[in-house]
Each structure stands twice: as structure tokens, then as C-alpha cells.
Amino acid sequence: QRKIAEREKRAADSQRKKMEKEAQRLMEKEQNKIGVKLS
């Protein structure tokens, strides 16, 4: 039972990291767009 919880926690962590990375990438993309408009 405990092993399953550990594995699910790890899966949730890696999922969250993936989402954060993706959000970071999207934000940088948006900032690049804005930067291009400004220059």
C-alpha cells in the first residue's frame, strides 16, 4: 500500500515539473514575442 502511494507521489511530482517546464517555455515564448514588438 505504501509503495503505491510513494509511486503515485513521484508520478505527481514529475508531472508537476513537466507542467512547470512547459509553462516556463510558453512564458519565454510570449516574452520573446513582446520583445520583438518593442524593438
C-alpha atoms as a PDB file:
ATOM      1  CA  GLN A   1       0.000   0.000   0.000  1.00  0.00           C
ATOM      2  CA  ARG A   2       2.712   2.422   0.973  1.00  0.00           C
ATOM      3  CA  LYS A   3       4.754   1.640  -2.139  1.00  0.00           C
ATOM      4  CA  ILE A   4       1.812   2.595  -4.316  1.00  0.00           C
ATOM      5  CA  ALA A   5       1.444   5.923  -2.537  1.00  0.00           C
ATOM      6  CA  GLU A   6       5.159   6.608  -2.969  1.00  0.00           C
ATOM      7  CA  ARG A   7       4.990   5.819  -6.668  1.00  0.00           C
ATOM      8  CA  GLU A   8       1.923   7.999  -7.165  1.00  0.00           C
ATOM      9  CA  LYS A   9       3.587  10.864  -5.312  1.00  0.00           C
ATOM     10  CA  ARG A  10       6.653  10.557  -7.522  1.00  0.00           C
ATOM     11  CA  ALA A  11       4.483  10.462 -10.642  1.00  0.00           C
ATOM     12  CA  ALA A  12       2.600  13.561  -9.494  1.00  0.00           C
ATOM     13  CA  ASP A  13       5.896  15.336  -8.809  1.00  0.00           C
ATOM     14  CA  SER A  14       7.324  14.586 -12.243  1.00  0.00           C
ATOM     15  CA  GLN A  15       4.011  15.575 -13.837  1.00  0.00           C
ATOM     16  CA  ARG A  16       4.080  18.904 -11.981  1.00  0.00           C
ATOM     17  CA  LYS A  17       7.692  19.507 -13.002  1.00  0.00           C
ATOM     18  CA  LYS A  18       6.768  18.831 -16.619  1.00  0.00           C
ATOM     19  CA  MET A  19       3.878  21.286 -16.402  1.00  0.00           C
ATOM     20  CA  GLU A  20       6.077  23.949 -14.793  1.00  0.00           C
ATOM     21  CA  LYS A  21       8.709  23.471 -17.503  1.00  0.00           C
ATOM     22  CA  GLU A  22       6.051  23.805 -20.199  1.00  0.00           C
ATOM     23  CA  ALA A  23       4.590  26.936 -18.578  1.00  0.00           C
ATOM     24  CA  GLN A  24       8.083  28.409 -18.329  1.00  0.00           C
ATOM     25  CA  ARG A  25       8.679  27.726 -22.023  1.00  0.00           C
ATOM     26  CA  LEU A  26       5.372  29.317 -23.022  1.00  0.00           C
ATOM     27  CA  MET A  27       6.097  32.402 -20.935  1.00  0.00           C
ATOM     28  CA  GLU A  28       9.505  32.820 -22.559  1.00  0.00           C
ATOM     29  CA  LYS A  29       7.883  32.464 -25.971  1.00  0.00           C
ATOM     30  CA  GLU A  30       5.382  35.206 -25.107  1.00  0.00           C
ATOM     31  CA  GLN A  31       8.131  37.462 -23.775  1.00  0.00           C
ATOM     32  CA  ASN A  32      10.102  36.938 -26.979  1.00  0.00           C
ATOM     33  CA  LYS A  33       7.057  37.986 -28.997  1.00  0.00           C
ATOM     34  CA  ILE A  34       6.655  41.123 -26.877  1.00  0.00           C
ATOM     35  CA  GLY A  35      10.386  41.837 -27.111  1.00  0.00           C
ATOM     36  CA  VAL A  36      10.277  41.607 -30.896  1.00  0.00           C
ATOM     37  CA  LYS A  37       7.358  44.048 -30.995  1.00  0.00           C
ATOM     38  CA  LEU A  38       9.211  46.539 -28.775  1.00  0.00           C
ATOM     39  CA  SER A  39      12.471  46.559 -30.720  1.00  0.00           C
END
